Every structure is written in structure tokens, then in C-alpha cells.
């Protein structure tokens, strides 16, 4: 049996809280969507009417953090921890003998502890062995791919040739090398069916879309229809998917008691993310700062923006607070309950510091505290800043001007803070899940 986990200070806050609201939760988690890929975050070339509407009905978060690449980001989302604490590297591959440790508490298990129905529809990417699949990590149902859609049959990597790309239902492969142009449509149909089937109980729908990861593919209704080419086609179909889910919530009169979240796992893949610098695999803001929209009618103020720091690591403790889950104070988390950032008109910061882990070995590459961001040296897989490069994100969001020479005191303070926080995480690092011996 797993035990739910919480930082002690958060537990104390939770115990003093009012009766939980127990909303349904729908979480869209897009693959490789950059900060500037949708209308609410400045894109003028791609049509995203449903996301535009979501922004006007809810709140836009402009400092929402993920990680540079896939698996590490999903580990942070699922556990409320920096991926280094739970020992998940940057990207897992088919046949890897590791995965998210089943002893970890996932957001799905938090919801399950309060009677929620749970489903994962889309890309998992936290281990493809049976013991690591979503159905072993708190999800009642699973439909999707165990890893990225470019990990196709016959491609070679460290484990040898990859097997045919598998599409799962539950723990059974129902197709291999499925038609990728149908992924967004099929996932959306499954999501709508789930909502209709579970409308009379609280539910958690986790919808980690395969797109817009390459190879790009869109169904006939969207292929060739965007002004932005194939990437635009896939984004516009994702927007359609959001519209379908919002429509069924309205149809079933569930919208007012449903928190809808839309965000992504890492930055755009080899595409710009203006006004940010960098892209996927980088610890510059363009690689890790994600578009994020949240809507909860009557709770989240409509048409508002929040600039406070938050991210994937904060969702598990927040979901625990909202659902009323009891969490174990002895298991450390890195995230905080950020429900005040959702509901208050002018919320104060919940956490003022963010750590940027990057690279295959997940080394600490940078730290942000308030408006200041310091790079710590070490070479990542993509563009990296020099050791001790310091940026003021309020004045220089594009990270164009290193001001470390003018602020040696801030450099020293941030280096000390980064070392202290990194040492704590490494000292309390928990083991990765390892494949059972045959």
C-alpha cells in the first residue's frame, strides 16, 4: 500500500483549511508546446478560439514551469517533486529497465484516495514495463502510448532496435504503428466517453496529448488548413480537442464544478518562443516556461493573469488540498499548495524560488529567486549560459544581457541558495523504479 506524502508545513496548512470543494479536474498536458504557440500567449498565425475562450473565462499563468524534456517533466507532474528527487532522467526509451517507482504517490492516487474516477488518455512516458504503466500508478483506465510517437519500430537506440510503436488500452497492446493522424481525434473521443460515463462522481481526466511532438500529424479536417503549416494544423486540432471537452462539460452541467488546466511538458522543439530565449532541452526560459491556462467558473477570476512562480511540481499538493486528501508529512515534496494563486484576485507568492534541472543526468543548471535567475555552469544537451550568468527576468525576459558583474552579491547569494537546496534534494533522493527480475 502506498502512503500519501506532504511537506510538514503544507500539511499544517491543509489541516486548518475549510471543507474541500472536491472539483472534477481535467488536465490537458501537451507535448512540445512552446510558450508562444497559442493565441492567449501571443500567436497570431494559428487559430485557437477555444483556448482564447478558456483564457477569457479563466486565468493565464505567465511563470508556469516544466522541465527541458519529456520524462523528467511527467515525473515532476505526477509526484510533486523535482525529477532529481525521484531519480527519473530526462527521457526514457522503449525497453529501459527503469520507470517511475510504484512506491511514489501520484496525483492519480491522491484523487483515488477520495473516491475519484481516474483515467490517463495519451502519452505516459514514465516506463513501458507493466509495473510502471498508468494502471499501476493510480489510474483506473489507460488509452495511449507508453512513450513518444517518434520511438517507432526499427529505430535504434541504446537498447537495440525499438519495437513497433504500441497503442495500449489498459495493459494490453491493441494496435502497433497506429495511424498518427488519428491520435488527437481518438484521444478526444475517449475523453468525452469518460466524462459521460463518470458524470455522477468526481473524476480526474489526465489528457497528455501525443501531439505536437514530431512526427507531426493531423486528421483530414485539419491537415493543410493552418497558415502555419503542419505545426499549425496540429495545434488547431488540439484546440478543437479542448473545445470538445469543454462542450461536454457544458452539456452535462459540470463546468461550474470542474477545474480545467491546459499546459505543456517542455518548450517548443527547435522553434522560437518569443519573447523568451531558448527551446526544448534548454534551461533558458523558452525551454521550460510553458503556456498555462486554468478555468474554474466562480472560483478562478475570469479574464485575469497571474505572474507568480508555479509549475508542474505544485499540482499534486494543490489537488490534495482541493480534494481533501490526507497526505503523509514524512515524505518530502518540492511543490506547494498554490490554490491561492488560482482563486485570489491579487495573490501573493506561494514560492519565490524555482530550480532548473537539465540534461540526461538532471544536474542543477540554474536557479530563479524572485526576478533574478542565475546559471550555475555545466553543459546541457542544448544551448547553455556561461557559469554565473545572471539575468533579471523582470527587466530582461529574453535573457539577453548578463548582469553578473554588476551584482556579485546576488550571484553569491543565489549560488549559496542553489547549493543548499540541491544538497537537500540529493540527500533525500528516492530510488527510481527498477524492472523486476524475470
Protein backbone atom coordinates (compact mmCIF):
# COMPACT_ATOMS: atom_id res chain seq x y z
CA UNK A 1 0.00 0.00 0.00
CA UNK A 2 1.32 3.46 -0.85
CA UNK A 3 1.26 6.33 1.61
CA UNK A 4 0.34 9.82 0.51
CA UNK A 5 3.01 12.42 1.03
CA UNK A 6 3.22 16.07 2.01
CA UNK A 7 5.72 18.60 3.30
CA UNK A 8 5.01 19.26 7.02
CA UNK A 9 4.29 22.97 6.60
CA UNK A 10 1.80 22.16 3.87
CA UNK A 11 0.14 19.51 5.99
CA UNK A 12 -0.40 22.02 8.76
CA UNK A 13 -1.96 24.43 6.29
CA UNK A 14 -4.19 21.70 4.96
CA UNK A 15 -5.46 20.65 8.40
CA UNK A 16 -6.55 24.19 9.09
CA UNK A 17 -8.36 24.50 5.77
CA UNK A 18 -12.07 24.61 5.20
CA UNK A 19 -14.11 21.71 3.86
CA UNK A 20 -12.62 20.65 0.48
CA UNK A 21 -14.53 21.56 -2.66
CA UNK A 22 -13.84 18.27 -4.48
CA UNK A 23 -13.99 19.61 -8.05
CA UNK A 24 -13.64 17.40 -11.09
CA UNK A 25 -10.25 18.03 -12.71
CA UNK A 26 -9.38 17.92 -16.43
CA UNK A 27 -5.67 18.29 -17.17
CA UNK A 28 -4.52 18.81 -20.76
CA UNK A 29 -0.77 18.17 -20.98
CA UNK A 30 0.52 18.92 -24.47
CA UNK A 31 3.81 17.56 -25.82
CA UNK A 32 6.45 20.09 -27.00
CA UNK A 33 4.11 23.10 -26.98
CA UNK A 34 6.09 26.30 -26.57
CA UNK A 35 5.19 29.49 -24.74
CA UNK A 36 4.14 31.36 -27.88
CA UNK A 37 2.31 28.56 -29.69
CA UNK A 38 -1.28 29.61 -28.89
CA UNK A 39 -3.35 32.76 -29.19
CA UNK A 40 -3.56 33.67 -25.48
CA UNK A 41 0.27 33.81 -25.38
CA UNK A 42 0.72 35.90 -28.50
CA UNK A 43 0.48 33.61 -31.52
CA UNK A 44 -1.18 35.41 -34.44
CA UNK A 45 -0.77 32.73 -37.10
CA UNK A 46 -2.65 29.81 -35.53
CA UNK A 47 -6.37 29.78 -34.78
CA UNK A 48 -7.11 28.76 -31.18
CA UNK A 49 -10.64 30.02 -30.48
CA UNK A 50 -11.36 27.50 -27.70
CA UNK A 51 -8.14 28.31 -25.87
CA UNK A 52 -8.81 32.01 -26.37
CA UNK A 53 -12.19 31.47 -24.73
CA UNK A 54 -10.61 29.44 -21.93
CA UNK A 55 -8.33 32.40 -21.22
CA UNK A 56 -11.21 34.86 -21.10
CA UNK A 57 -13.17 32.56 -18.78
CA UNK A 58 -10.22 31.77 -16.52
CA UNK A 59 -6.70 32.82 -15.60
CA UNK A 60 -3.49 32.93 -17.63
CA UNK A 61 -0.29 31.99 -15.77
CA UNK A 62 2.84 33.55 -17.24
CA UNK A 63 5.51 31.97 -14.97
CA UNK A 64 4.46 28.32 -15.10
CA UNK A 65 7.46 25.96 -15.15
CA UNK A 66 8.01 22.49 -16.52
CA UNK A 67 11.41 20.96 -17.36
CA UNK A 68 13.53 20.83 -20.56
CA UNK A 69 12.34 17.40 -21.83
CA UNK A 70 9.64 14.72 -21.59
CA UNK A 71 10.03 12.07 -18.89
CA UNK A 72 11.53 14.35 -16.26
CA UNK A 73 8.61 16.74 -16.72
CA UNK A 74 6.00 14.00 -16.34
CA UNK A 75 7.74 12.70 -13.23
CA UNK A 76 7.54 16.18 -11.68
CA UNK A 77 3.88 16.45 -12.61
CA UNK A 78 2.95 13.05 -11.21
CA UNK A 79 4.86 13.27 -7.93
CA UNK A 80 5.02 16.94 -6.89
CA UNK A 81 8.83 16.66 -6.85
CA UNK A 82 11.74 17.79 -8.94
CA UNK A 83 12.60 14.81 -11.11
CA UNK A 84 16.01 14.52 -9.46
CA UNK A 85 14.35 13.74 -6.12
CA UNK A 86 12.53 10.77 -7.68
CA UNK A 87 15.51 9.74 -9.85
CA UNK A 88 13.84 9.99 -13.27
CA UNK A 89 16.28 11.10 -16.01
CA UNK A 90 15.47 13.33 -18.96
CA UNK A 91 13.97 10.82 -21.42
CA UNK A 92 13.08 7.13 -21.08
CA UNK A 93 13.24 4.79 -24.07
CA UNK A 94 11.42 1.58 -25.02
CA UNK A 95 12.84 -1.35 -23.09
CA UNK A 96 14.52 0.75 -20.41
CA UNK A 97 14.65 -1.21 -17.18
CA UNK A 98 13.58 1.74 -15.05
CA UNK A 99 10.43 3.80 -14.58
CA UNK A 100 8.55 5.86 -12.02
CA UNK A 101 8.84 3.94 -8.76
CA UNK A 102 5.45 2.38 -7.90
CA UNK A 103 6.17 3.38 -4.29
CA UNK A 104 5.78 7.04 -5.26
CA UNK A 105 2.44 8.72 -4.69
CA UNK A 106 0.98 10.11 -7.92
CA UNK A 107 -1.67 12.73 -8.45
CA UNK A 108 -3.98 9.93 -9.62
CA UNK A 109 -3.54 8.15 -6.28
CA UNK A 110 -4.27 11.36 -4.42
CA UNK A 111 -7.58 11.58 -6.25
CA UNK A 112 -8.28 7.85 -5.87
CA UNK A 113 -7.95 8.19 -2.10
CA UNK A 114 -11.01 10.49 -2.18
CA UNK A 115 -13.17 8.33 -4.44
CA UNK A 116 -12.41 9.95 -7.79
CA UNK A 117 -12.61 8.02 -11.06
CA UNK A 118 -9.27 8.41 -12.87
CA UNK A 119 -8.07 7.97 -16.43
CA UNK A 120 -4.92 8.63 -18.47
CA UNK A 121 -5.53 9.18 -22.19
CA UNK A 122 -2.44 9.82 -24.30
CA UNK A 123 1.33 9.71 -23.78
CA UNK A 124 2.65 8.27 -20.49
CA UNK A 125 6.47 8.17 -20.80
CA UNK A 126 7.33 7.05 -17.27
CA UNK A 127 8.27 3.47 -18.05
CA UNK A 128 6.85 0.94 -20.51
CA UNK A 129 7.18 -2.25 -18.42
CA UNK A 130 3.82 -3.43 -17.00
CA UNK A 131 4.73 -2.48 -13.42
CA UNK A 132 5.27 1.17 -14.49
CA UNK A 133 2.14 1.69 -16.60
CA UNK A 134 -0.59 4.17 -15.55
CA UNK A 135 -2.85 1.35 -14.33
CA UNK A 136 -0.22 0.58 -11.67
CA UNK A 137 0.09 4.24 -10.71
CA UNK A 138 -3.44 5.14 -9.67
CA UNK A 139 -5.31 5.32 -12.97
CA UNK A 140 -8.43 3.18 -13.38
CA UNK A 141 -8.16 3.34 -17.15
CA UNK A 142 -5.46 3.98 -19.75
CA UNK A 143 -5.58 4.53 -23.51
CA UNK A 144 -2.50 5.72 -25.32
CA UNK A 145 1.21 5.39 -26.00
CA UNK A 146 3.79 4.43 -23.34
CA UNK A 147 6.38 6.83 -24.81
CA UNK A 148 6.96 9.35 -27.61
CA UNK A 149 5.50 8.92 -31.08
CA UNK A 150 8.93 9.15 -32.75
CA UNK A 151 10.06 5.94 -31.00
CA UNK A 152 8.99 3.87 -33.97
CA UNK A 153 9.57 0.22 -34.73
CA UNK A 154 13.05 -0.49 -36.06
CA UNK A 155 14.66 2.76 -34.93
CA UNK A 156 17.83 2.09 -32.96
CA UNK A 157 18.87 3.35 -29.56
CA UNK A 158 20.87 2.06 -26.59
CA UNK A 159 18.61 -0.95 -26.06
CA UNK A 160 18.78 -2.01 -29.73
CA UNK A 161 16.01 -1.69 -32.34
CA UNK A 162 12.77 -0.30 -30.95
CA UNK A 163 9.64 -2.47 -31.09
CA UNK A 164 6.64 -1.44 -33.20
CA UNK A 165 5.01 1.63 -31.62
CA UNK A 166 2.31 0.22 -29.30
CA UNK A 167 -1.13 1.66 -28.57
CA UNK A 168 -2.45 0.43 -25.24
CA UNK A 169 -5.87 0.00 -23.70
CA UNK A 170 -5.30 -0.80 -20.07
CA UNK A 171 -2.29 -3.08 -20.04
CA UNK A 172 -2.98 -4.64 -23.44
CA UNK A 173 -1.46 -3.58 -26.76
CA UNK A 174 -4.43 -3.21 -29.11
CA UNK A 175 -2.56 -1.85 -32.15
CA UNK A 176 1.00 -1.37 -33.36
CA UNK A 177 2.19 1.54 -35.51
CA UNK A 178 -1.26 3.18 -35.37
CA UNK A 179 -2.27 5.98 -37.74
CA UNK A 180 -0.81 9.03 -36.03
CA UNK A 181 -3.12 11.42 -37.83
CA UNK A 182 -5.95 9.99 -35.72
CA UNK A 183 -4.34 10.34 -32.28
CA UNK A 184 -5.86 13.70 -31.31
CA UNK A 185 -9.31 12.71 -32.54
CA UNK A 186 -9.26 9.28 -30.86
CA UNK A 187 -7.96 10.63 -27.56
CA UNK A 188 -10.66 13.28 -27.57
CA UNK A 189 -13.40 10.74 -28.24
CA UNK A 190 -12.13 8.64 -25.34
CA UNK A 191 -12.11 11.69 -23.08
CA UNK A 192 -15.69 12.60 -23.92
CA UNK A 193 -16.81 9.00 -23.28
CA UNK A 194 -15.07 9.00 -19.91
CA UNK A 195 -16.73 12.24 -18.79
CA UNK A 196 -20.17 10.98 -19.80
CA UNK A 197 -19.60 7.67 -18.01
CA UNK A 198 -18.34 9.26 -14.78
CA UNK A 199 -20.57 12.32 -14.63
CA UNK A 200 -22.22 11.23 -11.39
CA UNK A 201 -18.99 11.00 -9.36
CA UNK A 202 -15.89 13.17 -9.02
CA UNK A 203 -13.35 12.42 -11.75
CA UNK A 204 -9.80 13.19 -12.82
CA UNK A 205 -9.16 13.20 -16.57
CA UNK A 206 -5.47 13.37 -17.48
CA UNK A 207 -5.16 14.05 -21.22
CA UNK A 208 -1.46 14.12 -22.22
CA UNK A 209 -1.79 14.55 -25.98
CA UNK A 210 0.82 12.92 -28.24
CA UNK A 211 0.87 15.98 -30.47
CA UNK A 212 2.54 18.35 -31.08
CA UNK A 213 5.62 16.12 -30.78
CA UNK A 214 7.17 15.14 -34.10
CA UNK A 215 6.35 13.38 -36.34
CA UNK A 216 3.51 15.84 -36.76
CA UNK A 217 0.16 14.54 -37.97
CA UNK A 218 -3.37 15.90 -38.13
CA UNK A 219 -6.65 14.38 -39.26
CA UNK A 220 -8.27 15.25 -42.59
CA UNK A 221 -10.38 18.04 -41.08
CA UNK A 222 -7.23 19.92 -40.03
CA UNK A 223 -4.42 18.78 -42.35
CA UNK A 224 -3.30 21.63 -44.58
CA UNK A 225 -5.81 24.07 -43.08
CA UNK A 226 -3.50 26.24 -40.98
CA UNK A 227 -1.50 29.25 -42.12
CA UNK A 228 1.42 27.89 -40.08
CA UNK A 229 1.88 24.57 -41.89
CA UNK A 230 1.92 21.14 -40.17
CA UNK A 231 2.70 22.55 -36.72
CA UNK A 232 -0.26 24.89 -37.03
CA UNK A 233 -2.51 22.05 -38.18
CA UNK A 234 -1.70 20.01 -35.08
CA UNK A 235 -2.16 22.98 -32.74
CA UNK A 236 -5.52 23.83 -34.27
CA UNK A 237 -6.65 20.23 -33.81
CA UNK A 238 -5.52 20.34 -30.16
CA UNK A 239 -7.65 23.49 -29.81
CA UNK A 240 -10.58 21.55 -31.28
CA UNK A 241 -9.99 18.83 -28.68
CA UNK A 242 -10.21 21.39 -25.90
CA UNK A 243 -13.46 22.65 -27.40
CA UNK A 244 -14.96 19.17 -27.47
CA UNK A 245 -14.17 18.58 -23.80
CA UNK A 246 -15.49 21.98 -22.73
CA UNK A 247 -18.67 21.34 -24.73
CA UNK A 248 -19.44 18.06 -22.97
CA UNK A 249 -18.82 19.69 -19.59
CA UNK A 250 -21.39 22.33 -20.53
CA UNK A 251 -23.81 19.73 -21.90
CA UNK A 252 -23.72 17.75 -18.66
CA UNK A 253 -23.81 20.90 -16.50
CA UNK A 254 -20.46 20.00 -14.98
CA UNK A 255 -18.50 23.11 -15.94
CA UNK A 256 -19.03 25.02 -12.70
CA UNK A 257 -17.58 22.19 -10.63
CA UNK A 258 -14.67 21.35 -12.93
CA UNK A 259 -11.16 22.76 -12.82
CA UNK A 260 -9.71 22.70 -16.35
CA UNK A 261 -5.94 23.10 -16.76
CA UNK A 262 -4.08 23.43 -20.05
CA UNK A 263 -0.27 23.35 -20.19
CA UNK A 264 2.73 21.54 -21.73
CA UNK A 265 5.69 19.35 -20.77
CA UNK A 266 8.56 21.45 -22.17
CA UNK A 267 9.36 24.17 -24.65
CA UNK A 268 8.92 24.19 -28.40
CA UNK A 269 11.12 21.77 -30.35
CA UNK A 270 13.63 23.78 -32.42
CA UNK A 271 11.18 26.65 -32.77
CA UNK A 272 11.27 30.13 -31.24
CA UNK A 273 9.14 31.04 -28.23
CA UNK A 274 9.06 34.84 -28.29
CA UNK A 275 9.69 36.81 -26.17
CA UNK A 276 11.65 34.01 -24.50
CA UNK A 277 15.11 32.71 -25.37
CA UNK A 278 15.75 29.02 -25.98
CA UNK A 279 13.67 25.98 -26.86
CA UNK A 280 13.19 22.34 -25.86
CA UNK A 281 16.15 20.79 -23.96
CA UNK A 282 17.39 24.23 -22.84
CA UNK A 283 17.15 25.74 -19.36
CA UNK A 284 16.62 29.18 -20.82
CA UNK A 285 13.03 30.29 -20.27
CA UNK A 286 11.93 29.17 -23.73
CA UNK A 287 12.77 25.58 -22.85
CA UNK A 288 10.92 25.40 -19.55
CA UNK A 289 8.38 28.22 -19.17
CA UNK A 290 5.07 26.94 -20.52
CA UNK A 291 1.73 28.38 -21.59
CA UNK A 292 -0.75 27.66 -18.82
CA UNK A 293 -4.48 28.36 -18.60
CA UNK A 294 -6.84 27.40 -15.79
CA UNK A 295 -10.62 27.75 -15.60
CA UNK A 296 -12.97 27.08 -12.70
CA UNK A 297 -16.11 29.20 -13.02
CA UNK A 298 -16.98 31.08 -9.86
CA UNK A 299 -13.63 30.23 -8.22
CA UNK A 300 -10.93 31.45 -10.63
CA UNK A 301 -11.46 35.13 -11.58
CA UNK A 302 -12.28 35.32 -15.28
CA UNK A 303 -10.03 37.08 -17.74
CA UNK A 304 -7.14 37.50 -15.31
CA UNK A 305 -3.39 36.95 -15.38
CA UNK A 306 -1.04 35.74 -12.65
CA UNK A 307 2.73 36.31 -12.87
CA UNK A 308 3.71 34.39 -9.72
CA UNK A 309 6.02 31.36 -9.91
CA UNK A 310 4.31 27.95 -10.11
CA UNK A 311 4.62 24.79 -12.14
CA UNK A 312 4.19 21.05 -12.52
CA UNK A 313 5.59 20.28 -9.07
CA UNK A 314 2.79 22.29 -7.45
CA UNK A 315 -0.19 20.41 -8.86
CA UNK A 316 -0.09 17.35 -6.57
CA UNK A 317 -0.21 19.31 -3.28
CA UNK A 318 -2.83 21.62 -4.78
CA UNK A 319 -5.02 18.72 -5.88
CA UNK A 320 -4.67 17.20 -2.41
CA UNK A 321 -5.92 20.44 -0.87
CA UNK A 322 -8.87 20.75 -3.26
CA UNK A 323 -9.95 17.11 -2.95
CA UNK A 324 -9.39 16.81 0.78
CA UNK A 325 -6.76 14.07 0.56
CA UNK A 326 -4.76 13.26 3.69
CA UNK A 327 -1.05 13.24 2.99
CA UNK A 328 1.90 11.78 4.85
CA UNK A 329 4.14 14.54 6.32
CA UNK A 330 7.20 12.27 6.31
CA UNK A 331 7.61 12.10 2.54
CA UNK A 332 9.12 15.29 1.18
CA UNK A 333 7.69 17.15 -1.79
CA UNK A 334 9.10 20.14 -3.64
CA UNK A 335 5.78 21.63 -4.74
CA UNK A 336 3.44 23.82 -2.72
CA UNK A 337 -0.32 24.20 -2.49
CA UNK A 338 -0.90 27.05 -4.95
CA UNK A 339 -4.69 27.13 -4.69
CA UNK A 340 -4.48 30.80 -3.61
CA UNK A 341 -2.88 31.61 -6.97
CA UNK A 342 -5.96 30.18 -8.64
CA UNK A 343 -8.67 31.87 -6.61
CA UNK A 344 -7.42 35.15 -5.14
CA UNK A 345 -7.74 38.37 -7.10
CA UNK A 346 -4.19 39.58 -6.36
CA UNK A 347 -2.38 36.59 -4.87
CA UNK A 348 0.93 36.83 -3.04
CA UNK A 349 3.77 34.49 -3.97
CA UNK A 350 3.50 30.93 -2.66
CA UNK A 351 7.09 30.11 -3.55
CA UNK A 352 9.64 32.62 -4.83
CA UNK A 353 12.29 30.12 -5.92
CA UNK A 354 12.49 27.66 -8.81
CA UNK A 355 15.24 25.18 -9.62
CA UNK A 356 16.12 24.30 -13.23
CA UNK A 357 17.32 20.72 -13.61
CA UNK A 358 18.52 19.72 -17.06
CA UNK A 359 20.47 17.21 -19.08
CA UNK A 360 20.28 13.45 -19.08
CA UNK A 361 21.69 13.22 -15.57
CA UNK A 362 19.42 16.01 -14.33
CA UNK A 363 22.09 18.32 -12.96
CA UNK A 364 21.02 21.61 -11.38
CA UNK A 365 21.67 24.13 -14.15
CA UNK A 366 20.08 27.34 -12.84
CA UNK A 367 18.07 28.91 -10.04
CA UNK A 368 15.44 31.63 -10.08
CA UNK A 369 14.59 33.62 -6.97
CA UNK A 370 12.14 36.44 -7.43
CA UNK A 371 13.15 38.33 -10.57
CA UNK A 372 16.74 37.03 -10.56
CA UNK A 373 17.96 33.97 -12.45
CA UNK A 374 21.48 32.59 -12.16
CA UNK A 375 23.05 29.92 -14.37
CA UNK A 376 25.34 27.59 -12.44
CA UNK A 377 27.54 26.17 -15.18
CA UNK A 378 27.57 22.68 -16.60
CA UNK A 379 26.82 21.75 -20.18
CA UNK A 380 23.30 20.69 -21.07
CA UNK A 381 22.18 18.99 -24.28
CA UNK A 382 21.32 22.32 -25.89
CA UNK A 383 22.21 26.00 -25.58
CA UNK A 384 23.65 26.79 -22.14
CA UNK A 385 24.61 30.06 -20.47
CA UNK A 386 28.08 30.66 -19.06
CA UNK A 387 28.84 29.86 -15.45
CA UNK A 388 27.49 32.63 -13.17
CA UNK A 389 25.47 34.32 -15.94
CA UNK A 390 22.85 36.42 -14.14
CA UNK A 391 19.63 37.78 -15.65
CA UNK A 392 16.87 39.97 -14.28
CA UNK A 393 13.75 38.40 -15.74
CA UNK A 394 11.56 41.39 -14.93
CA UNK A 395 13.76 43.74 -16.96
CA UNK A 396 15.17 41.21 -19.45
CA UNK A 397 12.71 38.38 -20.05
CA UNK A 398 14.62 37.35 -23.18
CA UNK A 399 17.81 36.69 -21.16
CA UNK A 400 19.93 38.82 -23.46
CA UNK A 401 22.19 40.67 -21.00
CA UNK A 402 24.35 39.04 -18.33
CA UNK A 403 24.49 41.47 -15.39
CA UNK A 404 26.55 39.32 -13.03
CA UNK A 405 29.50 41.76 -13.00
CA UNK A 406 27.24 44.49 -11.61
CA UNK A 407 25.67 42.28 -8.91
CA UNK A 408 28.31 39.98 -7.34
CA UNK A 409 26.34 39.93 -4.09
CA UNK A 410 23.29 38.46 -5.85
CA UNK A 411 25.46 35.91 -7.66
CA UNK A 412 26.96 34.74 -4.37
CA UNK A 413 23.60 34.62 -2.62
CA UNK A 414 21.97 32.60 -5.38
CA UNK A 415 24.91 30.20 -5.65
CA UNK A 416 24.70 29.52 -1.92
CA UNK A 417 20.93 29.06 -2.09
CA UNK A 418 21.21 26.71 -5.07
CA UNK A 419 23.88 24.63 -3.36
CA UNK A 420 21.81 24.35 -0.19
CA UNK A 421 18.64 23.32 -1.98
CA UNK A 422 20.40 20.91 -4.33
CA UNK A 423 22.22 19.26 -1.43
CA UNK A 424 18.93 18.70 0.40
CA UNK A 425 17.35 17.07 -2.65
CA UNK A 426 20.36 14.84 -3.29
CA UNK A 427 20.50 13.86 0.39
CA UNK A 428 16.85 12.78 0.29
CA UNK A 429 16.78 11.38 -3.22
CA UNK A 430 14.41 8.45 -3.60
CA UNK A 431 15.13 5.41 -5.81
CA UNK A 432 13.90 5.01 -9.35
CA UNK A 433 11.64 2.06 -10.08
CA UNK A 434 13.61 -0.91 -11.39
CA UNK A 435 12.31 -3.70 -13.55
CA UNK A 436 11.52 -6.86 -11.63
CA UNK A 437 13.90 -9.72 -12.24
CA UNK A 438 12.37 -12.36 -14.54
